[in-house]
Structure formats: C-alpha cells, structure tokens
Full PDB file with SEQRES, HELIX, SHEET, SSBOND, CRYST1, ORIGX, SCALE, CONECT and MASTER records, all heavy atoms in Angstrom:
SEQRES   1 A   36  SER ARG ARG ILE HIS LYS TRP VAL HIS HIS PHE VAL LEU          
SEQRES   2 A   36  THR ASP PRO VAL GLY GLU LEU SER THR HIS ASP ILE GLU          
SEQRES   3 A   36  VAL GLU GLN VAL ALA TRP VAL PRO LEU GLU                      
CRYST1    1.000    1.000    1.000  90.00  90.00  90.00 P 1           1          
ORIGX1      1.000000  0.000000  0.000000        0.00000                         
ORIGX2      0.000000  1.000000  0.000000        0.00000                         
ORIGX3      0.000000  0.000000  1.000000        0.00000                         
SCALE1      1.000000  0.000000  0.000000        0.00000                         
SCALE2      0.000000  1.000000  0.000000        0.00000                         
SCALE3      0.000000  0.000000  1.000000        0.00000                         
ATOM      1  N   SER A   1     200.333 212.220  53.891  1.00  0.00           N  
ATOM      2  CA  SER A   1     200.392 210.960  54.644  1.00  0.00           C  
ATOM      3  C   SER A   1     199.393 209.905  54.180  1.00  0.00           C  
ATOM      4  O   SER A   1     199.169 208.914  54.867  1.00  0.00           O  
ATOM      5  CB  SER A   1     200.186 211.221  56.145  1.00  0.00           C  
ATOM      6  OG  SER A   1     201.176 212.095  56.620  1.00  0.00           O  
ATOM      7  N   ARG A   2     198.782 210.101  53.030  1.00  0.00           N  
ATOM      8  CA  ARG A   2     197.869 209.099  52.477  1.00  0.00           C  
ATOM      9  C   ARG A   2     198.509 208.450  51.267  1.00  0.00           C  
ATOM     10  O   ARG A   2     199.084 209.129  50.422  1.00  0.00           O  
ATOM     11  CB  ARG A   2     196.569 209.743  52.019  1.00  0.00           C  
ATOM     12  CG  ARG A   2     195.690 210.197  53.108  1.00  0.00           C  
ATOM     13  CD  ARG A   2     194.405 210.656  52.489  1.00  0.00           C  
ATOM     14  NE  ARG A   2     193.527 211.220  53.474  1.00  0.00           N  
ATOM     15  CZ  ARG A   2     192.433 211.868  53.174  1.00  0.00           C  
ATOM     16  NH1 ARG A   2     192.089 212.033  51.907  1.00  0.00           N  
ATOM     17  NH2 ARG A   2     191.664 212.351  54.112  1.00  0.00           N  
ATOM     18  N   ARG A   3     198.350 207.151  51.192  1.00  0.00           N  
ATOM     19  CA  ARG A   3     198.828 206.425  50.025  1.00  0.00           C  
ATOM     20  C   ARG A   3     197.705 206.401  48.988  1.00  0.00           C  
ATOM     21  O   ARG A   3     196.583 205.992  49.296  1.00  0.00           O  
ATOM     22  CB  ARG A   3     199.218 205.008  50.425  1.00  0.00           C  
ATOM     23  CG  ARG A   3     199.958 204.324  49.346  1.00  0.00           C  
ATOM     24  CD  ARG A   3     200.658 203.118  49.827  1.00  0.00           C  
ATOM     25  NE  ARG A   3     201.254 202.556  48.630  1.00  0.00           N  
ATOM     26  CZ  ARG A   3     201.646 201.339  48.490  1.00  0.00           C  
ATOM     27  NH1 ARG A   3     201.584 200.526  49.488  1.00  0.00           N  
ATOM     28  NH2 ARG A   3     202.155 200.925  47.362  1.00  0.00           N  
ATOM     29  N   ILE A   4     198.012 206.863  47.766  1.00  0.00           N  
ATOM     30  CA  ILE A   4     196.995 207.020  46.730  1.00  0.00           C  
ATOM     31  C   ILE A   4     197.365 206.194  45.509  1.00  0.00           C  
ATOM     32  O   ILE A   4     198.501 206.252  45.036  1.00  0.00           O  
ATOM     33  CB  ILE A   4     196.847 208.507  46.344  1.00  0.00           C  
ATOM     34  CG1 ILE A   4     196.429 209.309  47.576  1.00  0.00           C  
ATOM     35  CG2 ILE A   4     195.844 208.685  45.202  1.00  0.00           C  
ATOM     36  CD1 ILE A   4     196.501 210.799  47.415  1.00  0.00           C  
ATOM     37  N   HIS A   5     196.390 205.434  45.013  1.00  0.00           N  
ATOM     38  CA  HIS A   5     196.552 204.685  43.766  1.00  0.00           C  
ATOM     39  C   HIS A   5     195.834 205.484  42.689  1.00  0.00           C  
ATOM     40  O   HIS A   5     194.632 205.717  42.781  1.00  0.00           O  
ATOM     41  CB  HIS A   5     195.955 203.296  43.901  1.00  0.00           C  
ATOM     42  CG  HIS A   5     196.332 202.374  42.798  1.00  0.00           C  
ATOM     43  ND1 HIS A   5     195.829 201.105  42.688  1.00  0.00           N  
ATOM     44  CD2 HIS A   5     197.171 202.497  41.746  1.00  0.00           C  
ATOM     45  CE1 HIS A   5     196.335 200.503  41.629  1.00  0.00           C  
ATOM     46  NE2 HIS A   5     197.151 201.339  41.032  1.00  0.00           N  
ATOM     47  N   LYS A   6     196.582 205.899  41.681  1.00  0.00           N  
ATOM     48  CA  LYS A   6     196.022 206.763  40.644  1.00  0.00           C  
ATOM     49  C   LYS A   6     196.048 206.067  39.294  1.00  0.00           C  
ATOM     50  O   LYS A   6     197.037 205.445  38.933  1.00  0.00           O  
ATOM     51  CB  LYS A   6     196.810 208.067  40.557  1.00  0.00           C  
ATOM     52  CG  LYS A   6     196.226 209.043  39.570  1.00  0.00           C  
ATOM     53  CD  LYS A   6     196.791 210.422  39.776  1.00  0.00           C  
ATOM     54  CE  LYS A   6     196.062 211.410  38.891  1.00  0.00           C  
ATOM     55  NZ  LYS A   6     196.422 212.767  39.238  1.00  0.00           N  
ATOM     56  N   TRP A   7     194.925 206.188  38.559  1.00  0.00           N  
ATOM     57  CA  TRP A   7     194.810 205.725  37.180  1.00  0.00           C  
ATOM     58  C   TRP A   7     194.632 206.954  36.300  1.00  0.00           C  
ATOM     59  O   TRP A   7     193.828 207.838  36.626  1.00  0.00           O  
ATOM     60  CB  TRP A   7     193.600 204.820  36.993  1.00  0.00           C  
ATOM     61  CG  TRP A   7     193.753 203.457  37.567  1.00  0.00           C  
ATOM     62  CD1 TRP A   7     194.207 202.347  36.921  1.00  0.00           C  
ATOM     63  CD2 TRP A   7     193.449 203.037  38.891  1.00  0.00           C  
ATOM     64  NE1 TRP A   7     194.198 201.268  37.774  1.00  0.00           N  
ATOM     65  CE2 TRP A   7     193.736 201.668  38.990  1.00  0.00           C  
ATOM     66  CE3 TRP A   7     192.960 203.697  40.024  1.00  0.00           C  
ATOM     67  CZ2 TRP A   7     193.556 200.943  40.151  1.00  0.00           C  
ATOM     68  CZ3 TRP A   7     192.781 202.984  41.186  1.00  0.00           C  
ATOM     69  CH2 TRP A   7     193.076 201.620  41.235  1.00  0.00           C  
ATOM     70  N   VAL A   8     195.361 206.993  35.188  1.00  0.00           N  
ATOM     71  CA  VAL A   8     195.215 208.091  34.226  1.00  0.00           C  
ATOM     72  C   VAL A   8     194.948 207.479  32.850  1.00  0.00           C  
ATOM     73  O   VAL A   8     195.796 206.793  32.293  1.00  0.00           O  
ATOM     74  CB  VAL A   8     196.470 208.996  34.169  1.00  0.00           C  
ATOM     75  CG1 VAL A   8     196.209 210.175  33.243  1.00  0.00           C  
ATOM     76  CG2 VAL A   8     196.875 209.474  35.557  1.00  0.00           C  
ATOM     77  N   HIS A   9     193.747 207.739  32.330  1.00  0.00           N  
ATOM     78  CA  HIS A   9     193.348 207.261  31.012  1.00  0.00           C  
ATOM     79  C   HIS A   9     193.763 208.313  29.980  1.00  0.00           C  
ATOM     80  O   HIS A   9     193.358 209.474  30.087  1.00  0.00           O  
ATOM     81  CB  HIS A   9     191.836 207.042  30.947  1.00  0.00           C  
ATOM     82  CG  HIS A   9     191.329 206.099  31.981  1.00  0.00           C  
ATOM     83  ND1 HIS A   9     191.494 204.733  31.888  1.00  0.00           N  
ATOM     84  CD2 HIS A   9     190.682 206.320  33.154  1.00  0.00           C  
ATOM     85  CE1 HIS A   9     190.962 204.159  32.941  1.00  0.00           C  
ATOM     86  NE2 HIS A   9     190.462 205.093  33.733  1.00  0.00           N  
ATOM     87  N   HIS A  10     194.575 207.895  29.006  1.00  0.00           N  
ATOM     88  CA  HIS A  10     195.034 208.805  27.956  1.00  0.00           C  
ATOM     89  C   HIS A  10     194.392 208.427  26.624  1.00  0.00           C  
ATOM     90  O   HIS A  10     194.227 207.247  26.323  1.00  0.00           O  
ATOM     91  CB  HIS A  10     196.554 208.741  27.809  1.00  0.00           C  
ATOM     92  CG  HIS A  10     197.284 209.364  28.954  1.00  0.00           C  
ATOM     93  ND1 HIS A  10     197.562 208.689  30.110  1.00  0.00           N  
ATOM     94  CD2 HIS A  10     197.779 210.609  29.111  1.00  0.00           C  
ATOM     95  CE1 HIS A  10     198.215 209.491  30.939  1.00  0.00           C  
ATOM     96  NE2 HIS A  10     198.348 210.662  30.352  1.00  0.00           N  
ATOM     97  N   PHE A  11     194.095 209.462  25.855  1.00  0.00           N  
ATOM     98  CA  PHE A  11     193.467 209.284  24.552  1.00  0.00           C  
ATOM     99  C   PHE A  11     194.232 210.070  23.497  1.00  0.00           C  
ATOM    100  O   PHE A  11     194.934 211.025  23.821  1.00  0.00           O  
ATOM    101  CB  PHE A  11     192.005 209.786  24.592  1.00  0.00           C  
ATOM    102  CG  PHE A  11     191.157 209.023  25.563  1.00  0.00           C  
ATOM    103  CD1 PHE A  11     191.065 209.426  26.884  1.00  0.00           C  
ATOM    104  CD2 PHE A  11     190.484 207.888  25.160  1.00  0.00           C  
ATOM    105  CE1 PHE A  11     190.303 208.710  27.798  1.00  0.00           C  
ATOM    106  CE2 PHE A  11     189.715 207.157  26.067  1.00  0.00           C  
ATOM    107  CZ  PHE A  11     189.625 207.572  27.390  1.00  0.00           C  
ATOM    108  N   VAL A  12     194.074 209.666  22.250  1.00  0.00           N  
ATOM    109  CA  VAL A  12     194.552 210.447  21.114  1.00  0.00           C  
ATOM    110  C   VAL A  12     193.389 211.346  20.716  1.00  0.00           C  
ATOM    111  O   VAL A  12     192.261 210.868  20.550  1.00  0.00           O  
ATOM    112  CB  VAL A  12     194.956 209.548  19.924  1.00  0.00           C  
ATOM    113  CG1 VAL A  12     195.375 210.396  18.735  1.00  0.00           C  
ATOM    114  CG2 VAL A  12     196.066 208.584  20.337  1.00  0.00           C  
ATOM    115  N   LEU A  13     193.664 212.634  20.595  1.00  0.00           N  
ATOM    116  CA  LEU A  13     192.651 213.598  20.183  1.00  0.00           C  
ATOM    117  C   LEU A  13     193.075 214.239  18.878  1.00  0.00           C  
ATOM    118  O   LEU A  13     194.273 214.400  18.610  1.00  0.00           O  
ATOM    119  CB  LEU A  13     192.450 214.671  21.254  1.00  0.00           C  
ATOM    120  CG  LEU A  13     191.859 214.161  22.577  1.00  0.00           C  
ATOM    121  CD1 LEU A  13     192.962 213.866  23.564  1.00  0.00           C  
ATOM    122  CD2 LEU A  13     190.903 215.166  23.144  1.00  0.00           C  
ATOM    123  N   THR A  14     192.092 214.626  18.073  1.00  0.00           N  
ATOM    124  CA  THR A  14     192.379 215.178  16.755  1.00  0.00           C  
ATOM    125  C   THR A  14     191.391 216.299  16.432  1.00  0.00           C  
ATOM    126  O   THR A  14     190.508 216.602  17.226  1.00  0.00           O  
ATOM    127  CB  THR A  14     192.358 214.060  15.693  1.00  0.00           C  
ATOM    128  OG1 THR A  14     192.830 214.583  14.464  1.00  0.00           O  
ATOM    129  CG2 THR A  14     190.979 213.474  15.522  1.00  0.00           C  
ATOM    130  N   ASP A  15     191.530 216.865  15.253  1.00  0.00           N  
ATOM    131  CA  ASP A  15     190.671 217.947  14.783  1.00  0.00           C  
ATOM    132  C   ASP A  15     190.629 219.121  15.757  1.00  0.00           C  
ATOM    133  O   ASP A  15     189.551 219.596  16.135  1.00  0.00           O  
ATOM    134  CB  ASP A  15     189.249 217.446  14.503  1.00  0.00           C  
ATOM    135  CG  ASP A  15     189.217 216.330  13.480  1.00  0.00           C  
ATOM    136  OD1 ASP A  15     190.039 216.381  12.539  1.00  0.00           O  
ATOM    137  OD2 ASP A  15     188.392 215.411  13.619  1.00  0.00           O  
ATOM    138  N   PRO A  16     191.804 219.624  16.180  1.00  0.00           N  
ATOM    139  CA  PRO A  16     191.802 220.716  17.149  1.00  0.00           C  
ATOM    140  C   PRO A  16     191.239 222.013  16.564  1.00  0.00           C  
ATOM    141  O   PRO A  16     191.492 222.352  15.415  1.00  0.00           O  
ATOM    142  CB  PRO A  16     193.281 220.877  17.503  1.00  0.00           C  
ATOM    143  CG  PRO A  16     194.009 220.358  16.310  1.00  0.00           C  
ATOM    144  CD  PRO A  16     193.150 219.256  15.758  1.00  0.00           C  
ATOM    145  N   VAL A  17     190.475 222.705  17.384  1.00  0.00           N  
ATOM    146  CA  VAL A  17     189.914 224.001  17.025  1.00  0.00           C  
ATOM    147  C   VAL A  17     190.314 224.980  18.114  1.00  0.00           C  
ATOM    148  O   VAL A  17     190.207 224.673  19.305  1.00  0.00           O  
ATOM    149  CB  VAL A  17     188.372 223.922  16.914  1.00  0.00           C  
ATOM    150  CG1 VAL A  17     187.778 225.292  16.655  1.00  0.00           C  
ATOM    151  CG2 VAL A  17     187.962 222.932  15.842  1.00  0.00           C  
ATOM    152  N   GLY A  18     190.773 226.174  17.709  1.00  0.00           N  
ATOM    153  CA  GLY A  18     191.151 227.195  18.676  1.00  0.00           C  
ATOM    154  C   GLY A  18     192.622 227.527  18.583  1.00  0.00           C  
ATOM    155  O   GLY A  18     193.328 227.052  17.695  1.00  0.00           O  
ATOM    156  N   GLU A  19     193.060 228.331  19.521  1.00  0.00           N  
ATOM    157  CA  GLU A  19     194.453 228.765  19.602  1.00  0.00           C  
ATOM    158  C   GLU A  19     195.055 228.275  20.918  1.00  0.00           C  
ATOM    159  O   GLU A  19     194.366 228.242  21.943  1.00  0.00           O  
ATOM    160  CB  GLU A  19     194.538 230.297  19.547  1.00  0.00           C  
ATOM    161  CG  GLU A  19     194.004 230.906  18.270  1.00  0.00           C  
ATOM    162  CD  GLU A  19     194.873 230.572  17.060  1.00  0.00           C  
ATOM    163  OE1 GLU A  19     196.109 230.517  17.224  1.00  0.00           O  
ATOM    164  OE2 GLU A  19     194.305 230.343  15.980  1.00  0.00           O  
ATOM    165  N   LEU A  20     196.329 227.934  20.888  1.00  0.00           N  
ATOM    166  CA  LEU A  20     197.004 227.547  22.121  1.00  0.00           C  
ATOM    167  C   LEU A  20     196.962 228.712  23.110  1.00  0.00           C  
ATOM    168  O   LEU A  20     197.156 229.863  22.727  1.00  0.00           O  
ATOM    169  CB  LEU A  20     198.464 227.175  21.853  1.00  0.00           C  
ATOM    170  CG  LEU A  20     198.714 225.926  21.002  1.00  0.00           C  
ATOM    171  CD1 LEU A  20     200.211 225.719  20.837  1.00  0.00           C  
ATOM    172  CD2 LEU A  20     198.063 224.698  21.603  1.00  0.00           C  
ATOM    173  N   SER A  21     196.688 228.381  24.375  1.00  0.00           N  
ATOM    174  CA  SER A  21     196.672 229.428  25.396  1.00  0.00           C  
ATOM    175  C   SER A  21     197.098 228.856  26.738  1.00  0.00           C  
ATOM    176  O   SER A  21     197.024 227.653  26.963  1.00  0.00           O  
ATOM    177  CB  SER A  21     195.277 230.051  25.521  1.00  0.00           C  
ATOM    178  OG  SER A  21     194.401 229.159  26.168  1.00  0.00           O  
ATOM    179  N   THR A  22     197.516 229.736  27.605  1.00  0.00           N  
ATOM    180  CA  THR A  22     197.916 229.355  28.959  1.00  0.00           C  
ATOM    181  C   THR A  22     196.973 229.994  29.974  1.00  0.00           C  
ATOM    182  O   THR A  22     197.393 230.479  31.019  1.00  0.00           O  
ATOM    183  CB  THR A  22     199.369 229.786  29.246  1.00  0.00           C  
ATOM    184  OG1 THR A  22     199.488 231.192  29.015  1.00  0.00           O  
ATOM    185  CG2 THR A  22     200.356 229.030  28.387  1.00  0.00           C  
ATOM    186  N   HIS A  23     195.675 229.973  29.683  1.00  0.00           N  
ATOM    187  CA  HIS A  23     194.693 230.561  30.596  1.00  0.00           C  
ATOM    188  C   HIS A  23     194.584 229.785  31.900  1.00  0.00           C  
ATOM    189  O   HIS A  23     194.233 230.354  32.925  1.00  0.00           O  
ATOM    190  CB  HIS A  23     193.315 230.644  29.927  1.00  0.00           C  
ATOM    191  CG  HIS A  23     193.265 231.659  28.834  1.00  0.00           C  
ATOM    192  ND1 HIS A  23     193.309 233.012  29.069  1.00  0.00           N  
ATOM    193  CD2 HIS A  23     193.200 231.522  27.495  1.00  0.00           C  
ATOM    194  CE1 HIS A  23     193.257 233.664  27.928  1.00  0.00           C  
ATOM    195  NE2 HIS A  23     193.204 232.777  26.955  1.00  0.00           N  
ATOM    196  N   ASP A  24     194.859 228.499  31.886  1.00  0.00           N  
ATOM    197  CA  ASP A  24     194.802 227.680  33.091  1.00  0.00           C  
ATOM    198  C   ASP A  24     195.963 228.083  33.998  1.00  0.00           C  
ATOM    199  O   ASP A  24     197.121 228.092  33.571  1.00  0.00           O  
ATOM    200  CB  ASP A  24     194.895 226.197  32.716  1.00  0.00           C  
ATOM    201  CG  ASP A  24     194.630 225.277  33.888  1.00  0.00           C  
ATOM    202  OD1 ASP A  24     195.373 225.361  34.887  1.00  0.00           O  
ATOM    203  OD2 ASP A  24     193.696 224.468  33.810  1.00  0.00           O  
ATOM    204  N   ILE A  25     195.680 228.387  35.253  1.00  0.00           N  
ATOM    205  CA  ILE A  25     196.725 228.877  36.156  1.00  0.00           C  
ATOM    206  C   ILE A  25     197.801 227.835  36.448  1.00  0.00           C  
ATOM    207  O   ILE A  25     198.904 228.189  36.852  1.00  0.00           O  
ATOM    208  CB  ILE A  25     196.144 229.405  37.488  1.00  0.00           C  
ATOM    209  CG1 ILE A  25     195.377 228.305  38.227  1.00  0.00           C  
ATOM    210  CG2 ILE A  25     195.252 230.605  37.250  1.00  0.00           C  
ATOM    211  CD1 ILE A  25     194.983 228.666  39.635  1.00  0.00           C  
ATOM    212  N   GLU A  26     197.494 226.554  36.235  1.00  0.00           N  
ATOM    213  CA  GLU A  26     198.482 225.502  36.480  1.00  0.00           C  
ATOM    214  C   GLU A  26     199.468 225.358  35.320  1.00  0.00           C  
ATOM    215  O   GLU A  26     200.487 224.696  35.461  1.00  0.00           O  
ATOM    216  CB  GLU A  26     197.778 224.165  36.696  1.00  0.00           C  
ATOM    217  CG  GLU A  26     196.870 224.135  37.899  1.00  0.00           C  
ATOM    218  CD  GLU A  26     196.079 222.846  38.002  1.00  0.00           C  
ATOM    219  OE1 GLU A  26     196.302 221.926  37.201  1.00  0.00           O  
ATOM    220  OE2 GLU A  26     195.229 222.760  38.898  1.00  0.00           O  
ATOM    221  N   VAL A  27     199.160 225.953  34.175  1.00  0.00           N  
ATOM    222  CA  VAL A  27     199.960 225.756  32.967  1.00  0.00           C  
ATOM    223  C   VAL A  27     200.779 227.001  32.675  1.00  0.00           C  
ATOM    224  O   VAL A  27     200.251 228.102  32.579  1.00  0.00           O  
ATOM    225  CB  VAL A  27     199.053 225.413  31.761  1.00  0.00           C  
ATOM    226  CG1 VAL A  27     199.865 225.294  30.486  1.00  0.00           C  
ATOM    227  CG2 VAL A  27     198.279 224.136  32.031  1.00  0.00           C  
ATOM    228  N   GLU A  28     202.089 226.814  32.513  1.00  0.00           N  
ATOM    229  CA  GLU A  28     202.972 227.934  32.208  1.00  0.00           C  
ATOM    230  C   GLU A  28     203.244 228.074  30.712  1.00  0.00           C  
ATOM    231  O   GLU A  28     203.396 229.174  30.213  1.00  0.00           O  
ATOM    232  CB  GLU A  28     204.292 227.760  32.963  1.00  0.00           C  
ATOM    233  CG  GLU A  28     205.145 228.998  32.913  1.00  0.00           C  
ATOM    234  CD  GLU A  28     206.253 228.972  33.924  1.00  0.00           C  
ATOM    235  OE1 GLU A  28     206.009 228.599  35.090  1.00  0.00           O  
ATOM    236  OE2 GLU A  28     207.387 229.322  33.539  1.00  0.00           O  
ATOM    237  N   GLN A  29     203.332 226.944  30.006  1.00  0.00           N  
ATOM    238  CA  GLN A  29     203.574 226.974  28.568  1.00  0.00           C  
ATOM    239  C   GLN A  29     202.753 225.878  27.888  1.00  0.00           C  
ATOM    240  O   GLN A  29     202.478 224.843  28.486  1.00  0.00           O  
ATOM    241  CB  GLN A  29     205.050 226.748  28.238  1.00  0.00           C  
ATOM    242  CG  GLN A  29     205.974 227.855  28.695  1.00  0.00           C  
ATOM    243  CD  GLN A  29     207.418 227.562  28.317  1.00  0.00           C  
ATOM    244  OE1 GLN A  29     207.697 227.021  27.256  1.00  0.00           O  
ATOM    245  NE2 GLN A  29     208.336 227.912  29.197  1.00  0.00           N  
ATOM    246  N   VAL A  30     202.391 226.141  26.629  1.00  0.00           N  
ATOM    247  CA  VAL A  30     201.706 225.164  25.782  1.00  0.00           C  
ATOM    248  C   VAL A  30     202.380 225.246  24.421  1.00  0.00           C  
ATOM    249  O   VAL A  30     202.647 226.341  23.929  1.00  0.00           O  
ATOM    250  CB  VAL A  30     200.206 225.485  25.622  1.00  0.00           C  
ATOM    251  CG1 VAL A  30     199.525 224.464  24.732  1.00  0.00           C  
ATOM    252  CG2 VAL A  30     199.514 225.564  26.958  1.00  0.00           C  
ATOM    253  N   ALA A  31     202.645 224.091  23.810  1.00  0.00           N  
ATOM    254  CA  ALA A  31     203.342 224.131  22.520  1.00  0.00           C  
ATOM    255  C   ALA A  31     203.005 222.924  21.664  1.00  0.00           C  
ATOM    256  O   ALA A  31     202.783 221.825  22.181  1.00  0.00           O  
ATOM    257  CB  ALA A  31     204.861 224.173  22.741  1.00  0.00           C  
ATOM    258  N   TRP A  32     202.968 223.180  20.340  1.00  0.00           N  
ATOM    259  CA  TRP A  32     202.998 222.087  19.373  1.00  0.00           C  
ATOM    260  C   TRP A  32     204.447 221.632  19.316  1.00  0.00           C  
ATOM    261  O   TRP A  32     205.348 222.446  19.086  1.00  0.00           O  
ATOM    262  CB  TRP A  32     202.561 222.559  17.986  1.00  0.00           C  
ATOM    263  CG  TRP A  32     201.088 222.691  17.824  1.00  0.00           C  
ATOM    264  CD1 TRP A  32     200.367 223.847  17.855  1.00  0.00           C  
ATOM    265  CD2 TRP A  32     200.158 221.637  17.591  1.00  0.00           C  
ATOM    266  NE1 TRP A  32     199.051 223.573  17.660  1.00  0.00           N  
ATOM    267  CE2 TRP A  32     198.883 222.223  17.487  1.00  0.00           C  
ATOM    268  CE3 TRP A  32     200.276 220.257  17.457  1.00  0.00           C  
ATOM    269  CZ2 TRP A  32     197.734 221.479  17.254  1.00  0.00           C  
ATOM    270  CZ3 TRP A  32     199.133 219.514  17.226  1.00  0.00           C  
ATOM    271  CH2 TRP A  32     197.881 220.118  17.126  1.00  0.00           C  
ATOM    272  N   VAL A  33     204.679 220.358  19.547  1.00  0.00           N  
ATOM    273  CA  VAL A  33     206.036 219.820  19.590  1.00  0.00           C  
ATOM    274  C   VAL A  33     206.141 218.719  18.535  1.00  0.00           C  
ATOM    275  O   VAL A  33     205.308 217.803  18.509  1.00  0.00           O  
ATOM    276  CB  VAL A  33     206.358 219.250  20.988  1.00  0.00           C  
ATOM    277  CG1 VAL A  33     207.743 218.632  21.024  1.00  0.00           C  
ATOM    278  CG2 VAL A  33     206.212 220.335  22.054  1.00  0.00           C  
ATOM    279  N   PRO A  34     207.159 218.788  17.662  1.00  0.00           N  
ATOM    280  CA  PRO A  34     207.356 217.690  16.711  1.00  0.00           C  
ATOM    281  C   PRO A  34     207.491 216.364  17.463  1.00  0.00           C  
ATOM    282  O   PRO A  34     208.144 216.301  18.511  1.00  0.00           O  
ATOM    283  CB  PRO A  34     208.656 218.057  15.988  1.00  0.00           C  
ATOM    284  CG  PRO A  34     208.764 219.545  16.146  1.00  0.00           C  
ATOM    285  CD  PRO A  34     208.164 219.850  17.499  1.00  0.00           C  
ATOM    286  N   LEU A  35     206.873 215.312  16.933  1.00  0.00           N  
ATOM    287  CA  LEU A  35     206.904 214.014  17.622  1.00  0.00           C  
ATOM    288  C   LEU A  35     208.320 213.544  17.909  1.00  0.00           C  
ATOM    289  O   LEU A  35     208.575 212.963  18.959  1.00  0.00           O  
ATOM    290  CB  LEU A  35     206.153 212.954  16.822  1.00  0.00           C  
ATOM    291  CG  LEU A  35     204.632 213.076  16.809  1.00  0.00           C  
ATOM    292  CD1 LEU A  35     204.009 211.926  16.036  1.00  0.00           C  
ATOM    293  CD2 LEU A  35     204.047 213.149  18.201  1.00  0.00           C  
ATOM    294  N   GLU A  36     209.247 213.814  16.978  1.00  0.00           N  
ATOM    295  CA  GLU A  36     210.618 213.346  17.203  1.00  0.00           C  
ATOM    296  C   GLU A  36     211.317 214.082  18.343  1.00  0.00           C  
ATOM    297  O   GLU A  36     212.347 213.640  18.830  1.00  0.00           O  
ATOM    298  CB  GLU A  36     211.454 213.414  15.915  1.00  0.00           C  
ATOM    299  CG  GLU A  36     211.663 214.796  15.359  1.00  0.00           C  
ATOM    300  CD  GLU A  36     210.584 215.226  14.368  1.00  0.00           C  
ATOM    301  OE1 GLU A  36     209.587 214.505  14.189  1.00  0.00           O  
ATOM    302  OE2 GLU A  36     210.743 216.290  13.775  1.00  0.00           O  
TER     303      GLU A  36                                                      
MASTER        0    0    0    0    0    0    0    6  302    1    0    3          
END                                                                             
C-alpha cells in the first residue's frame, strides 16, 4: 500500500574474474548470453 519511486543506476562492467554461480538465493540461473 505504499507508492515507491525507484531509481536504478546501471553500469557496464568488464574484466570478470570467477565462475558463474547461483549462490544467491534470489537467483535461479546465470548465463553468458550473446548480445543478439
């Protein structure tokens, strides 16, 4: 019952280190997806 104004700042990130994982309980899948 509350009206919320939300801002989401998005960034481009690079130089990834590590392996894809779904350790976060909110996330079911993680994938590298071709841009197209």
